[in-house]
Amino acid sequence: MFTGIVEVTGEVTRATDDEGGRRLRIACPFEDLHHGQSISVSGVCLTVERFGTDADDGAWFEVFLADETVSRTYLGDVEAGETVNLERALAADGRFDGHLVQGHVDGIATVEAVEAVGDDWRFRFSLPDGLARYVVEKGSIALDGISLTVAERGSDAFAVAIIPTTYDLTTLSTKAVGDPVHVEVDVVAKYVESMVAGYAERLGGE
């Protein structure tokens, strides 16, 4: 489980196709890496398979993207030199500052507009098919693993307001119109829908 509070950005130093998927090597400053560790990579929960330190990359870890992950995310198109948002899984006794983020991508949105508003920024994104019912104004949403609040929602798009700290410390500062972002809707909304649907079915049967 993650919180959507990005710790650092890492640089993809290697991206290679492998049997049944793709492998990424990511340079990062984490000192507690271990085999089997879960790390959110731009909102995708991935497992550390190898890690180490070398003269070229410094500290690094490698993850494997199965075909399912490649087909449902844009990580299959990421190349060496690009940056990604990184967050380690929340410790049981850790501070919970964002919202419940699983690292399970529900869809891919596209940046439709980026506007500077004073010291802040306003981003507008397309609304992926099938996700509109989970996206509400002032509700939580994770974009590329970043816990954000929906500022506005239309029929086919939504907007978020970005403070300077979030803009500077995440990959949002590199995003331009047309770029993709991973979308994970609030899992609480899914549970509520499931419970209400069951209740409605029982009422319909009475």
Protein backbone atom coordinates (compact mmCIF):
# COMPACT_ATOMS: atom_id res chain seq x y z
CA MET A 1 0.00 0.00 0.00
CA PHE A 2 1.17 3.52 -0.84
CA THR A 3 0.05 7.02 0.07
CA GLY A 4 0.69 8.93 -3.14
CA ILE A 5 3.36 11.07 -1.49
CA VAL A 6 6.24 10.79 -3.96
CA GLU A 7 9.58 10.47 -2.18
CA VAL A 8 11.95 11.12 -5.07
CA THR A 9 12.21 10.86 -8.81
CA GLY A 10 14.51 8.26 -10.30
CA GLU A 11 16.16 8.01 -13.69
CA VAL A 12 15.61 5.06 -15.97
CA THR A 13 19.14 4.04 -16.95
CA ARG A 14 18.30 0.86 -18.86
CA ALA A 15 15.16 -0.32 -20.63
CA THR A 16 15.34 -3.70 -22.35
CA ASP A 17 12.81 -6.08 -23.80
CA ASP A 18 12.84 -9.46 -22.12
CA GLU A 19 11.00 -12.72 -22.65
CA GLY A 20 7.40 -12.15 -21.61
CA GLY A 21 7.82 -8.46 -20.86
CA ARG A 22 10.32 -5.68 -20.25
CA ARG A 23 12.99 -4.88 -17.71
CA LEU A 24 13.84 -1.45 -16.28
CA ARG A 25 16.87 -0.36 -14.29
CA ILE A 26 16.22 2.76 -12.22
CA ALA A 27 18.81 4.88 -10.43
CA CYS A 28 17.64 6.21 -7.06
CA PRO A 29 18.99 7.31 -3.65
CA PHE A 30 17.16 4.67 -1.58
CA GLU A 31 19.51 2.99 0.91
CA ASP A 32 17.20 0.22 2.17
CA LEU A 33 16.60 -1.67 -1.08
CA HIS A 34 16.01 -5.40 -0.83
CA HIS A 35 14.82 -8.26 -3.02
CA GLY A 36 11.03 -8.52 -3.19
CA GLN A 37 10.45 -4.93 -2.06
CA SER A 38 7.40 -3.14 -3.47
CA ILE A 39 8.03 0.27 -5.04
CA SER A 40 5.55 2.50 -6.82
CA VAL A 41 7.09 3.53 -10.15
CA SER A 42 5.01 6.42 -11.50
CA GLY A 43 1.99 4.86 -9.88
CA VAL A 44 2.66 1.23 -10.83
CA CYS A 45 3.38 -1.19 -7.98
CA LEU A 46 6.47 -3.17 -9.01
CA THR A 47 8.76 -5.63 -7.28
CA VAL A 48 12.51 -5.18 -6.86
CA GLU A 49 14.25 -8.17 -8.47
CA ARG A 50 17.84 -6.93 -8.38
CA PHE A 51 19.63 -3.97 -6.84
CA GLY A 52 23.14 -2.69 -6.37
CA THR A 53 25.58 0.16 -6.83
CA ASP A 54 27.98 0.83 -9.66
CA ALA A 55 30.16 3.61 -10.99
CA ASP A 56 27.81 4.56 -13.82
CA ASP A 57 24.38 4.45 -12.20
CA GLY A 58 25.16 4.82 -8.49
CA ALA A 59 22.49 3.04 -6.44
CA TRP A 60 19.95 1.26 -8.66
CA PHE A 61 17.23 -1.37 -8.71
CA GLU A 62 15.67 -3.46 -11.46
CA VAL A 63 12.03 -4.38 -12.00
CA PHE A 64 10.35 -6.65 -14.50
CA LEU A 65 7.23 -5.57 -16.38
CA ALA A 66 5.05 -8.52 -17.33
CA ASP A 67 3.06 -8.33 -20.56
CA GLU A 68 -0.04 -7.41 -18.54
CA THR A 69 1.78 -4.41 -17.05
CA VAL A 70 3.16 -3.37 -20.44
CA SER A 71 -0.32 -3.49 -21.98
CA ARG A 72 -2.04 -1.52 -19.19
CA THR A 73 0.59 1.18 -18.56
CA TYR A 74 2.89 3.41 -20.58
CA LEU A 75 6.01 1.96 -18.94
CA GLY A 76 6.50 -0.19 -22.01
CA ASP A 77 7.38 3.01 -23.90
CA VAL A 78 9.73 4.49 -21.28
CA GLU A 79 13.33 4.78 -22.43
CA ALA A 80 16.69 5.36 -20.73
CA GLY A 81 17.11 8.94 -19.60
CA GLU A 82 13.48 9.48 -18.61
CA THR A 83 12.45 10.15 -15.01
CA VAL A 84 9.82 8.35 -12.93
CA ASN A 85 8.14 9.03 -9.58
CA LEU A 86 9.19 6.69 -6.78
CA GLU A 87 7.54 5.80 -3.47
CA ARG A 88 8.36 2.89 -1.19
CA ALA A 89 5.47 0.96 0.36
CA LEU A 90 4.10 2.47 3.56
CA ALA A 91 5.46 0.97 6.77
CA ALA A 92 2.81 -0.20 9.24
CA ASP A 93 3.86 2.50 11.72
CA GLY A 94 4.39 5.20 9.07
CA ARG A 95 2.66 8.55 8.81
CA PHE A 96 -0.28 8.52 6.39
CA ASP A 97 -0.23 11.86 4.55
CA GLY A 98 -1.95 11.16 1.20
CA HIS A 99 -4.74 8.67 0.49
CA LEU A 100 -4.97 4.91 -0.05
CA VAL A 101 -3.05 4.14 -3.24
CA GLN A 102 -2.61 0.53 -4.37
CA GLY A 103 -0.36 1.01 -7.36
CA HIS A 104 -2.95 -0.61 -9.63
CA VAL A 105 -3.46 1.49 -12.77
CA ASP A 106 -7.12 1.92 -13.78
CA GLY A 107 -6.45 3.77 -17.01
CA ILE A 108 -4.21 6.16 -18.90
CA ALA A 109 -5.15 9.83 -19.25
CA THR A 110 -3.59 12.42 -21.51
CA VAL A 111 -2.49 15.91 -20.55
CA GLU A 112 -4.86 18.32 -22.31
CA ALA A 113 -3.68 21.64 -20.87
CA VAL A 114 -1.05 23.07 -18.51
CA GLU A 115 -1.54 26.56 -17.13
CA ALA A 116 0.52 28.59 -14.68
CA VAL A 117 -1.74 30.28 -12.11
CA GLY A 118 0.40 32.62 -10.02
CA ASP A 119 2.92 30.38 -8.25
CA ASP A 120 0.74 27.31 -8.82
CA TRP A 121 -0.16 25.20 -11.83
CA ARG A 122 -3.41 23.85 -13.21
CA PHE A 123 -3.40 20.66 -15.26
CA ARG A 124 -6.34 19.35 -17.25
CA PHE A 125 -6.47 15.67 -18.22
CA SER A 126 -8.71 13.53 -20.37
CA LEU A 127 -11.06 11.26 -18.44
CA PRO A 128 -10.47 7.61 -19.41
CA ASP A 129 -13.51 5.56 -20.43
CA GLY A 130 -15.32 3.89 -17.56
CA LEU A 131 -13.76 5.97 -14.78
CA ALA A 132 -16.05 9.01 -14.69
CA ARG A 133 -18.25 7.57 -11.93
CA TYR A 134 -15.25 7.31 -9.59
CA VAL A 135 -13.96 10.85 -10.17
CA VAL A 136 -15.70 13.57 -8.17
CA GLU A 137 -14.88 17.19 -7.46
CA LYS A 138 -12.77 17.50 -4.28
CA GLY A 139 -12.23 13.74 -4.31
CA SER A 140 -8.87 11.97 -4.29
CA ILE A 141 -7.11 10.65 -7.37
CA ALA A 142 -3.60 9.32 -8.03
CA LEU A 143 -1.82 10.49 -11.18
CA ASP A 144 1.52 8.85 -11.91
CA GLY A 145 1.48 7.82 -8.24
CA ILE A 146 0.87 11.37 -6.93
CA SER A 147 -1.99 11.84 -4.47
CA LEU A 148 -4.03 14.79 -5.79
CA THR A 149 -7.42 16.41 -5.31
CA VAL A 150 -9.83 16.83 -8.21
CA ALA A 151 -10.43 20.56 -8.61
CA GLU A 152 -12.99 20.26 -11.39
CA ARG A 153 -14.65 17.47 -13.34
CA GLY A 154 -16.41 17.67 -16.66
CA SER A 155 -18.01 14.98 -18.78
CA ASP A 156 -14.79 13.98 -20.51
CA ALA A 157 -12.00 15.74 -18.58
CA PHE A 158 -10.91 16.76 -15.11
CA ALA A 159 -8.49 19.27 -13.62
CA VAL A 160 -6.14 19.37 -10.65
CA ALA A 161 -4.31 22.24 -8.99
CA ILE A 162 -0.59 21.69 -8.38
CA ILE A 163 1.42 23.53 -5.74
CA PRO A 164 5.07 24.44 -6.46
CA THR A 165 6.48 21.69 -4.21
CA THR A 166 4.56 18.95 -6.03
CA TYR A 167 5.46 20.45 -9.42
CA ASP A 168 9.16 20.67 -8.59
CA LEU A 169 9.56 17.28 -6.84
CA THR A 170 7.65 15.05 -9.27
CA THR A 171 7.60 14.33 -12.97
CA LEU A 172 4.70 16.75 -13.48
CA SER A 173 7.33 19.40 -14.23
CA THR A 174 8.30 17.38 -17.33
CA LYS A 175 4.77 16.81 -18.63
CA ALA A 176 3.45 18.58 -21.70
CA VAL A 177 0.20 18.51 -23.64
CA GLY A 178 -0.28 15.07 -25.18
CA ASP A 179 1.80 13.20 -22.60
CA PRO A 180 0.27 10.16 -20.83
CA VAL A 181 -0.28 9.74 -17.09
CA HIS A 182 -1.34 6.71 -15.09
CA VAL A 183 -4.69 7.09 -13.36
CA GLU A 184 -5.73 5.25 -10.21
CA VAL A 185 -9.11 6.25 -8.84
CA ASP A 186 -9.89 6.24 -5.13
CA VAL A 187 -10.33 2.60 -4.10
CA VAL A 188 -12.87 3.69 -1.46
CA ALA A 189 -15.17 4.76 -4.32
CA LYS A 190 -14.94 1.27 -5.79
CA TYR A 191 -15.84 -0.37 -2.48
CA VAL A 192 -18.79 2.00 -2.01
CA GLU A 193 -20.03 1.20 -5.51
CA SER A 194 -19.74 -2.54 -4.82
CA MET A 195 -21.64 -2.31 -1.55
CA VAL A 196 -24.37 -0.05 -2.94
CA ALA A 197 -24.77 -2.29 -6.01
CA GLY A 198 -25.36 -5.32 -3.79
CA TYR A 199 -27.90 -3.41 -1.71
CA ALA A 200 -29.69 -2.20 -4.83
CA GLU A 201 -29.86 -5.75 -6.17
CA ARG A 202 -31.47 -6.98 -2.96
CA LEU A 203 -34.03 -4.17 -3.07
CA GLY A 204 -34.81 -4.98 -6.69
CA GLY A 205 -35.48 -8.58 -5.77
CA GLU A 206 -37.94 -7.76 -3.01
